[in-house]
Amino acid sequence: MGPLGWQETVVIFVLALLLFGPKKLPELG
């Protein structure tokens, strides 16, 4: 995979929200 554009970043972020929920995001960071 090459460097991610802003669109890919937004998609991944939204998927992370749906999969893990907002409460678990700080744990991933």
PDB file of N, CA and C in Angstrom:
ATOM      1  N   MET A   1       0.834  -1.202   0.000  1.00  0.00           N
ATOM      2  CA  MET A   1       0.000   0.000   0.000  1.00  0.00           C
ATOM      3  C   MET A   1       0.866   1.247   0.000  1.00  0.00           C
ATOM      4  N   GLY A   2       0.464   2.224  -0.787  1.00  0.00           N
ATOM      5  CA  GLY A   2       1.174   3.498  -0.824  1.00  0.00           C
ATOM      6  C   GLY A   2       0.691   4.385   0.311  1.00  0.00           C
ATOM      7  N   PRO A   3       1.176   5.607   0.337  1.00  0.00           N
ATOM      8  CA  PRO A   3       0.721   6.554   1.363  1.00  0.00           C
ATOM      9  C   PRO A   3      -0.770   6.818   1.244  1.00  0.00           C
ATOM     10  N   LEU A   4      -1.450   6.899   2.374  1.00  0.00           N
ATOM     11  CA  LEU A   4      -2.898   7.085   2.368  1.00  0.00           C
ATOM     12  C   LEU A   4      -3.266   8.538   2.123  1.00  0.00           C
ATOM     13  N   GLY A   5      -4.290   8.744   1.318  1.00  0.00           N
ATOM     14  CA  GLY A   5      -4.825  10.086   1.118  1.00  0.00           C
ATOM     15  C   GLY A   5      -5.809  10.406   2.227  1.00  0.00           C
ATOM     16  N   TRP A   6      -6.341  11.615   2.190  1.00  0.00           N
ATOM     17  CA  TRP A   6      -7.265  12.015   3.263  1.00  0.00           C
ATOM     18  C   TRP A   6      -8.552  11.214   3.187  1.00  0.00           C
ATOM     19  N   GLN A   7      -8.957  10.816   1.985  1.00  0.00           N
ATOM     20  CA  GLN A   7     -10.196  10.039   1.851  1.00  0.00           C
ATOM     21  C   GLN A   7     -10.050   8.678   2.514  1.00  0.00           C
ATOM     22  N   GLU A   8      -8.917   8.014   2.259  1.00  0.00           N
ATOM     23  CA  GLU A   8      -8.693   6.710   2.868  1.00  0.00           C
ATOM     24  C   GLU A   8      -8.626   6.833   4.385  1.00  0.00           C
ATOM     25  N   THR A   9      -8.001   7.921   4.856  1.00  0.00           N
ATOM     26  CA  THR A   9      -7.885   8.137   6.298  1.00  0.00           C
ATOM     27  C   THR A   9      -9.257   8.300   6.936  1.00  0.00           C
ATOM     28  N   VAL A  10     -10.136   9.062   6.271  1.00  0.00           N
ATOM     29  CA  VAL A  10     -11.485   9.277   6.803  1.00  0.00           C
ATOM     30  C   VAL A  10     -12.255   7.965   6.827  1.00  0.00           C
ATOM     31  N   VAL A  11     -12.146   7.181   5.767  1.00  0.00           N
ATOM     32  CA  VAL A  11     -12.859   5.903   5.699  1.00  0.00           C
ATOM     33  C   VAL A  11     -12.397   4.974   6.817  1.00  0.00           C
ATOM     34  N   ILE A  12     -11.091   4.883   7.016  1.00  0.00           N
ATOM     35  CA  ILE A  12     -10.551   4.016   8.059  1.00  0.00           C
ATOM     36  C   ILE A  12     -11.001   4.488   9.436  1.00  0.00           C
ATOM     37  N   PHE A  13     -11.025   5.822   9.625  1.00  0.00           N
ATOM     38  CA  PHE A  13     -11.438   6.368  10.916  1.00  0.00           C
ATOM     39  C   PHE A  13     -12.893   6.032  11.195  1.00  0.00           C
ATOM     40  N   VAL A  14     -13.750   6.175  10.180  1.00  0.00           N
ATOM     41  CA  VAL A  14     -15.172   5.869  10.352  1.00  0.00           C
ATOM     42  C   VAL A  14     -15.362   4.382  10.634  1.00  0.00           C
ATOM     43  N   LEU A  15     -14.633   3.531   9.914  1.00  0.00           N
ATOM     44  CA  LEU A  15     -14.733   2.097  10.161  1.00  0.00           C
ATOM     45  C   LEU A  15     -14.293   1.764  11.580  1.00  0.00           C
ATOM     46  N   ALA A  16     -13.242   2.430  12.057  1.00  0.00           N
ATOM     47  CA  ALA A  16     -12.769   2.194  13.419  1.00  0.00           C
ATOM     48  C   ALA A  16     -13.844   2.590  14.426  1.00  0.00           C
ATOM     49  N   LEU A  17     -14.523   3.705  14.168  1.00  0.00           N
ATOM     50  CA  LEU A  17     -15.596   4.135  15.071  1.00  0.00           C
ATOM     51  C   LEU A  17     -16.712   3.099  15.113  1.00  0.00           C
ATOM     52  N   LEU A  18     -17.071   2.560  13.946  1.00  0.00           N
ATOM     53  CA  LEU A  18     -18.167   1.599  13.884  1.00  0.00           C
ATOM     54  C   LEU A  18     -17.777   0.276  14.536  1.00  0.00           C
ATOM     55  N   LEU A  19     -16.511  -0.137  14.346  1.00  0.00           N
ATOM     56  CA  LEU A  19     -16.086  -1.438  14.845  1.00  0.00           C
ATOM     57  C   LEU A  19     -15.810  -1.407  16.345  1.00  0.00           C
ATOM     58  N   PHE A  20     -15.083  -0.395  16.788  1.00  0.00           N
ATOM     59  CA  PHE A  20     -14.605  -0.378  18.163  1.00  0.00           C
ATOM     60  C   PHE A  20     -15.444   0.518  19.061  1.00  0.00           C
ATOM     61  N   GLY A  21     -16.100   1.510  18.459  1.00  0.00           N
ATOM     62  CA  GLY A  21     -16.842   2.472  19.271  1.00  0.00           C
ATOM     63  C   GLY A  21     -15.919   3.583  19.755  1.00  0.00           C
ATOM     64  N   PRO A  22     -16.473   4.756  20.018  1.00  0.00           N
ATOM     65  CA  PRO A  22     -15.672   5.916  20.405  1.00  0.00           C
ATOM     66  C   PRO A  22     -14.905   5.698  21.712  1.00  0.00           C
ATOM     67  N   LYS A  23     -15.417   4.847  22.595  1.00  0.00           N
ATOM     68  CA  LYS A  23     -14.793   4.672  23.906  1.00  0.00           C
ATOM     69  C   LYS A  23     -13.457   3.938  23.804  1.00  0.00           C
ATOM     70  N   LYS A  24     -13.298   3.090  22.758  1.00  0.00           N
ATOM     71  CA  LYS A  24     -12.076   2.296  22.671  1.00  0.00           C
ATOM     72  C   LYS A  24     -10.996   2.970  21.832  1.00  0.00           C
ATOM     73  N   LEU A  25     -11.346   4.048  21.130  1.00  0.00           N
ATOM     74  CA  LEU A  25     -10.352   4.701  20.289  1.00  0.00           C
ATOM     75  C   LEU A  25      -9.126   5.183  21.064  1.00  0.00           C
ATOM     76  N   PRO A  26      -9.272   5.770  22.260  1.00  0.00           N
ATOM     77  CA  PRO A  26      -8.073   6.180  23.006  1.00  0.00           C
ATOM     78  C   PRO A  26      -7.150   5.008  23.328  1.00  0.00           C
ATOM     79  N   GLU A  27      -7.701   3.807  23.464  1.00  0.00           N
ATOM     80  CA  GLU A  27      -6.879   2.637  23.755  1.00  0.00           C
ATOM     81  C   GLU A  27      -6.012   2.276  22.560  1.00  0.00           C
ATOM     82  N   LEU A  28      -6.537   2.508  21.345  1.00  0.00           N
ATOM     83  CA  LEU A  28      -5.771   2.183  20.147  1.00  0.00           C
ATOM     84  C   LEU A  28      -4.602   3.136  19.979  1.00  0.00           C
ATOM     85  N   GLY A  29      -4.781   4.381  20.401  1.00  0.00           N
ATOM     86  CA  GLY A  29      -3.747   5.382  20.251  1.00  0.00           C
ATOM     87  C   GLY A  29      -2.625   5.158  21.253  1.00  0.00           C
TER      88      GLY A  29
END
